[in-house]
Amino acid sequence: MTKKDMTLLIEAEDAINDMDRVLVSLTSMGHSDGLFHKMDNVYEVIMNNSHEYYQKAKKENDEDIESLFYHIVNNQYLLAMDRAEILLEGRIRVEN
């Protein structure tokens, strides 16, 4: 996957999270609670196309790596293109 494509997916994930906050404030339910749960597939596509280090979180049920991955994807203090670069290169890792 290209950095540009990963950036677009992360921007979509950001928009889903923003929408989710609005839905929760209005209805007390997020997108995953209703008809729009398939939007979670964006997160899965990001995971499936990230560096193999992050992919092993799902394969090996590694909660530390999964938590790190989630934090990187959802850290809107970083630009989407910076998060894309981190996820594609596997630059940030859990310290053992």
N, C-alpha and C. Protein backbone atom coordinates (compact mmCIF):
# COMPACT_ATOMS: atom_id res chain seq x y z
N MET A 1 0.84 -1.17 0.00
CA MET A 1 0.00 0.00 0.00
C MET A 1 0.89 1.24 0.00
N THR A 2 0.48 2.24 -0.73
CA THR A 2 1.26 3.47 -0.77
C THR A 2 0.98 4.33 0.46
N LYS A 3 1.90 5.22 0.73
CA LYS A 3 1.73 6.15 1.85
C LYS A 3 0.49 7.02 1.62
N LYS A 4 0.26 7.41 0.37
CA LYS A 4 -0.90 8.25 0.05
C LYS A 4 -2.20 7.51 0.34
N ASP A 5 -2.28 6.24 -0.05
CA ASP A 5 -3.49 5.44 0.20
C ASP A 5 -3.71 5.23 1.70
N MET A 6 -2.62 4.96 2.43
CA MET A 6 -2.74 4.78 3.88
C MET A 6 -3.18 6.09 4.53
N THR A 7 -2.67 7.20 4.06
CA THR A 7 -3.08 8.51 4.58
C THR A 7 -4.57 8.73 4.37
N LEU A 8 -5.08 8.38 3.20
CA LEU A 8 -6.51 8.52 2.92
C LEU A 8 -7.35 7.66 3.86
N LEU A 9 -6.89 6.45 4.12
CA LEU A 9 -7.62 5.58 5.05
C LEU A 9 -7.60 6.14 6.47
N ILE A 10 -6.49 6.67 6.89
CA ILE A 10 -6.40 7.24 8.24
C ILE A 10 -7.29 8.48 8.34
N GLU A 11 -7.33 9.28 7.29
CA GLU A 11 -8.24 10.43 7.29
C GLU A 11 -9.69 9.98 7.39
N ALA A 12 -10.02 8.89 6.71
CA ALA A 12 -11.38 8.35 6.80
C ALA A 12 -11.66 7.85 8.22
N GLU A 13 -10.69 7.20 8.83
CA GLU A 13 -10.85 6.72 10.21
C GLU A 13 -11.03 7.90 11.17
N ASP A 14 -10.30 8.98 10.95
CA ASP A 14 -10.47 10.18 11.76
C ASP A 14 -11.90 10.71 11.63
N ALA A 15 -12.40 10.76 10.41
CA ALA A 15 -13.77 11.25 10.19
C ALA A 15 -14.79 10.34 10.85
N ILE A 16 -14.58 9.03 10.81
CA ILE A 16 -15.47 8.09 11.48
C ILE A 16 -15.46 8.33 12.98
N ASN A 17 -14.28 8.55 13.55
CA ASN A 17 -14.19 8.81 14.99
C ASN A 17 -14.86 10.12 15.37
N ASP A 18 -14.70 11.15 14.53
CA ASP A 18 -15.37 12.43 14.78
C ASP A 18 -16.89 12.26 14.72
N MET A 19 -17.36 11.53 13.72
CA MET A 19 -18.78 11.27 13.57
C MET A 19 -19.30 10.47 14.76
N ASP A 20 -18.50 9.53 15.22
CA ASP A 20 -18.88 8.70 16.35
C ASP A 20 -19.10 9.54 17.61
N ARG A 21 -18.23 10.50 17.85
CA ARG A 21 -18.39 11.38 19.01
C ARG A 21 -19.71 12.13 18.94
N VAL A 22 -20.08 12.60 17.75
CA VAL A 22 -21.35 13.31 17.57
C VAL A 22 -22.52 12.35 17.80
N LEU A 23 -22.44 11.16 17.22
CA LEU A 23 -23.52 10.19 17.41
C LEU A 23 -23.72 9.84 18.88
N VAL A 24 -22.64 9.64 19.59
CA VAL A 24 -22.74 9.30 21.01
C VAL A 24 -23.37 10.46 21.79
N SER A 25 -22.98 11.69 21.46
CA SER A 25 -23.55 12.82 22.18
C SER A 25 -25.04 13.00 21.89
N LEU A 26 -25.47 12.64 20.69
CA LEU A 26 -26.87 12.80 20.32
C LEU A 26 -27.75 11.61 20.70
N THR A 27 -27.19 10.40 20.59
CA THR A 27 -28.03 9.21 20.75
C THR A 27 -27.55 8.25 21.84
N SER A 28 -26.40 8.54 22.42
CA SER A 28 -25.76 7.65 23.41
C SER A 28 -25.32 6.33 22.78
N MET A 29 -25.28 6.28 21.47
CA MET A 29 -24.82 5.09 20.75
C MET A 29 -23.84 5.53 19.66
N GLY A 30 -22.78 4.75 19.48
CA GLY A 30 -21.83 5.03 18.41
C GLY A 30 -22.19 4.27 17.15
N HIS A 31 -21.38 4.43 16.12
CA HIS A 31 -21.67 3.77 14.85
C HIS A 31 -21.63 2.25 14.97
N SER A 32 -20.82 1.72 15.85
CA SER A 32 -20.70 0.27 15.99
C SER A 32 -21.94 -0.35 16.63
N ASP A 33 -22.74 0.48 17.30
CA ASP A 33 -23.94 -0.03 17.96
C ASP A 33 -25.13 -0.13 17.02
N GLY A 34 -25.04 0.45 15.86
CA GLY A 34 -26.19 0.52 14.97
C GLY A 34 -25.94 -0.10 13.62
N LEU A 35 -26.55 0.52 12.63
CA LEU A 35 -26.51 0.01 11.26
C LEU A 35 -25.18 0.23 10.56
N PHE A 36 -24.30 1.02 11.16
CA PHE A 36 -23.09 1.42 10.46
C PHE A 36 -21.84 0.71 10.97
N HIS A 37 -22.00 -0.44 11.57
CA HIS A 37 -20.86 -1.15 12.15
C HIS A 37 -19.81 -1.56 11.10
N LYS A 38 -20.19 -1.62 9.85
CA LYS A 38 -19.25 -1.98 8.79
C LYS A 38 -18.17 -0.90 8.60
N MET A 39 -18.40 0.28 9.16
CA MET A 39 -17.39 1.33 9.07
C MET A 39 -16.11 0.91 9.82
N ASP A 40 -16.24 -0.02 10.73
CA ASP A 40 -15.07 -0.53 11.44
C ASP A 40 -14.11 -1.25 10.49
N ASN A 41 -14.59 -1.59 9.31
CA ASN A 41 -13.73 -2.26 8.33
C ASN A 41 -12.56 -1.38 7.90
N VAL A 42 -12.73 -0.06 7.97
CA VAL A 42 -11.63 0.85 7.61
C VAL A 42 -10.44 0.57 8.53
N TYR A 43 -10.72 0.44 9.83
CA TYR A 43 -9.67 0.14 10.81
C TYR A 43 -8.99 -1.18 10.46
N GLU A 44 -9.78 -2.18 10.09
CA GLU A 44 -9.23 -3.50 9.73
C GLU A 44 -8.34 -3.43 8.50
N VAL A 45 -8.74 -2.63 7.51
CA VAL A 45 -7.92 -2.48 6.30
C VAL A 45 -6.60 -1.80 6.64
N ILE A 46 -6.65 -0.80 7.53
CA ILE A 46 -5.42 -0.15 7.97
C ILE A 46 -4.51 -1.18 8.64
N MET A 47 -5.08 -1.98 9.54
CA MET A 47 -4.30 -3.01 10.24
C MET A 47 -3.70 -4.00 9.25
N ASN A 48 -4.52 -4.47 8.32
CA ASN A 48 -4.07 -5.49 7.38
C ASN A 48 -2.99 -5.00 6.41
N ASN A 49 -2.86 -3.69 6.26
CA ASN A 49 -1.87 -3.13 5.34
C ASN A 49 -0.74 -2.41 6.05
N SER A 50 -0.71 -2.50 7.36
CA SER A 50 0.37 -1.91 8.13
C SER A 50 1.59 -2.83 8.12
N HIS A 51 2.67 -2.33 8.67
CA HIS A 51 3.91 -3.10 8.78
C HIS A 51 3.62 -4.42 9.50
N GLU A 52 4.33 -5.46 9.15
CA GLU A 52 4.11 -6.79 9.73
C GLU A 52 4.19 -6.78 11.27
N TYR A 53 4.96 -5.85 11.83
CA TYR A 53 5.05 -5.76 13.29
C TYR A 53 3.68 -5.51 13.92
N TYR A 54 2.89 -4.60 13.32
CA TYR A 54 1.56 -4.30 13.86
C TYR A 54 0.56 -5.41 13.53
N GLN A 55 0.74 -6.05 12.39
CA GLN A 55 -0.17 -7.13 12.01
C GLN A 55 -0.08 -8.31 12.96
N LYS A 56 1.09 -8.51 13.56
CA LYS A 56 1.22 -9.66 14.47
C LYS A 56 0.41 -9.46 15.75
N ALA A 57 -0.04 -8.23 16.02
CA ALA A 57 -0.90 -7.99 17.18
C ALA A 57 -2.15 -8.85 17.08
N LYS A 58 -2.72 -8.90 15.89
CA LYS A 58 -3.93 -9.69 15.69
C LYS A 58 -3.60 -11.18 15.60
N LYS A 59 -2.53 -11.51 14.89
CA LYS A 59 -2.16 -12.91 14.70
C LYS A 59 -1.78 -13.60 16.01
N GLU A 60 -1.06 -12.86 16.86
CA GLU A 60 -0.56 -13.44 18.11
C GLU A 60 -1.35 -12.99 19.33
N ASN A 61 -2.44 -12.26 19.10
CA ASN A 61 -3.28 -11.75 20.18
C ASN A 61 -2.43 -10.98 21.20
N ASP A 62 -1.59 -10.09 20.69
CA ASP A 62 -0.69 -9.29 21.52
C ASP A 62 -1.37 -7.97 21.86
N GLU A 63 -1.85 -7.85 23.09
CA GLU A 63 -2.61 -6.67 23.50
C GLU A 63 -1.75 -5.41 23.56
N ASP A 64 -0.46 -5.55 23.87
CA ASP A 64 0.42 -4.38 23.93
C ASP A 64 0.60 -3.76 22.55
N ILE A 65 0.83 -4.60 21.56
CA ILE A 65 1.00 -4.09 20.19
C ILE A 65 -0.33 -3.55 19.67
N GLU A 66 -1.41 -4.24 19.96
CA GLU A 66 -2.74 -3.78 19.54
C GLU A 66 -3.04 -2.41 20.13
N SER A 67 -2.71 -2.21 21.38
CA SER A 67 -2.93 -0.93 22.04
C SER A 67 -2.08 0.17 21.41
N LEU A 68 -0.82 -0.15 21.11
CA LEU A 68 0.06 0.80 20.45
C LEU A 68 -0.48 1.16 19.07
N PHE A 69 -0.89 0.16 18.31
CA PHE A 69 -1.45 0.38 16.98
C PHE A 69 -2.67 1.31 17.06
N TYR A 70 -3.57 1.00 17.99
CA TYR A 70 -4.77 1.81 18.17
C TYR A 70 -4.40 3.26 18.49
N HIS A 71 -3.43 3.44 19.36
CA HIS A 71 -3.00 4.78 19.74
C HIS A 71 -2.42 5.53 18.54
N ILE A 72 -1.63 4.87 17.73
CA ILE A 72 -1.05 5.52 16.56
C ILE A 72 -2.15 5.93 15.58
N VAL A 73 -3.05 5.01 15.27
CA VAL A 73 -4.11 5.30 14.30
C VAL A 73 -4.98 6.46 14.78
N ASN A 74 -5.29 6.51 16.06
CA ASN A 74 -6.23 7.49 16.58
C ASN A 74 -5.60 8.75 17.15
N ASN A 75 -4.30 8.89 17.06
CA ASN A 75 -3.61 10.06 17.60
C ASN A 75 -3.73 11.23 16.63
N GLN A 76 -4.79 12.00 16.75
CA GLN A 76 -5.03 13.10 15.82
C GLN A 76 -4.13 14.30 16.07
N TYR A 77 -3.24 14.22 17.07
CA TYR A 77 -2.23 15.26 17.26
C TYR A 77 -1.14 15.14 16.20
N LEU A 78 -1.02 13.95 15.62
CA LEU A 78 -0.09 13.73 14.50
C LEU A 78 -0.86 13.85 13.19
N LEU A 79 -0.22 14.37 12.17
CA LEU A 79 -0.84 14.43 10.85
C LEU A 79 -1.10 13.01 10.35
N ALA A 80 -2.13 12.86 9.54
CA ALA A 80 -2.47 11.55 8.99
C ALA A 80 -1.30 10.97 8.20
N MET A 81 -0.59 11.81 7.45
CA MET A 81 0.53 11.29 6.65
C MET A 81 1.67 10.82 7.55
N ASP A 82 1.85 11.43 8.71
CA ASP A 82 2.89 10.98 9.64
C ASP A 82 2.50 9.64 10.26
N ARG A 83 1.23 9.49 10.59
CA ARG A 83 0.76 8.21 11.13
C ARG A 83 0.87 7.12 10.08
N ALA A 84 0.57 7.46 8.83
CA ALA A 84 0.69 6.49 7.73
C ALA A 84 2.13 6.01 7.61
N GLU A 85 3.06 6.94 7.67
CA GLU A 85 4.48 6.59 7.57
C GLU A 85 4.90 5.67 8.72
N ILE A 86 4.49 6.00 9.93
CA ILE A 86 4.81 5.17 11.10
C ILE A 86 4.27 3.76 10.92
N LEU A 87 3.02 3.66 10.49
CA LEU A 87 2.38 2.35 10.37
C LEU A 87 2.96 1.52 9.23
N LEU A 88 3.34 2.16 8.16
CA LEU A 88 3.91 1.43 7.03
C LEU A 88 5.35 0.99 7.29
N GLU A 89 6.08 1.78 8.05
CA GLU A 89 7.49 1.47 8.31
C GLU A 89 7.71 0.70 9.60
N GLY A 90 6.72 0.68 10.49
CA GLY A 90 6.87 -0.03 11.76
C GLY A 90 7.86 0.65 12.69
N ARG A 91 7.93 1.98 12.62
CA ARG A 91 8.95 2.73 13.36
C ARG A 91 8.74 2.75 14.87
N ILE A 92 7.51 2.77 15.34
CA ILE A 92 7.26 2.83 16.78
C ILE A 92 6.86 1.44 17.24
N ARG A 93 7.57 0.97 18.28
CA ARG A 93 7.35 -0.39 18.77
C ARG A 93 7.24 -0.40 20.29
N VAL A 94 6.66 -1.46 20.79
CA VAL A 94 6.54 -1.65 22.23
C VAL A 94 7.92 -2.06 22.76
N GLU A 95 8.34 -1.39 23.82
CA GLU A 95 9.61 -1.76 24.44
C GLU A 95 9.42 -2.98 25.32
N ASN A 96 10.34 -3.89 25.24
CA ASN A 96 10.23 -5.10 26.05
C ASN A 96 10.98 -4.96 27.35
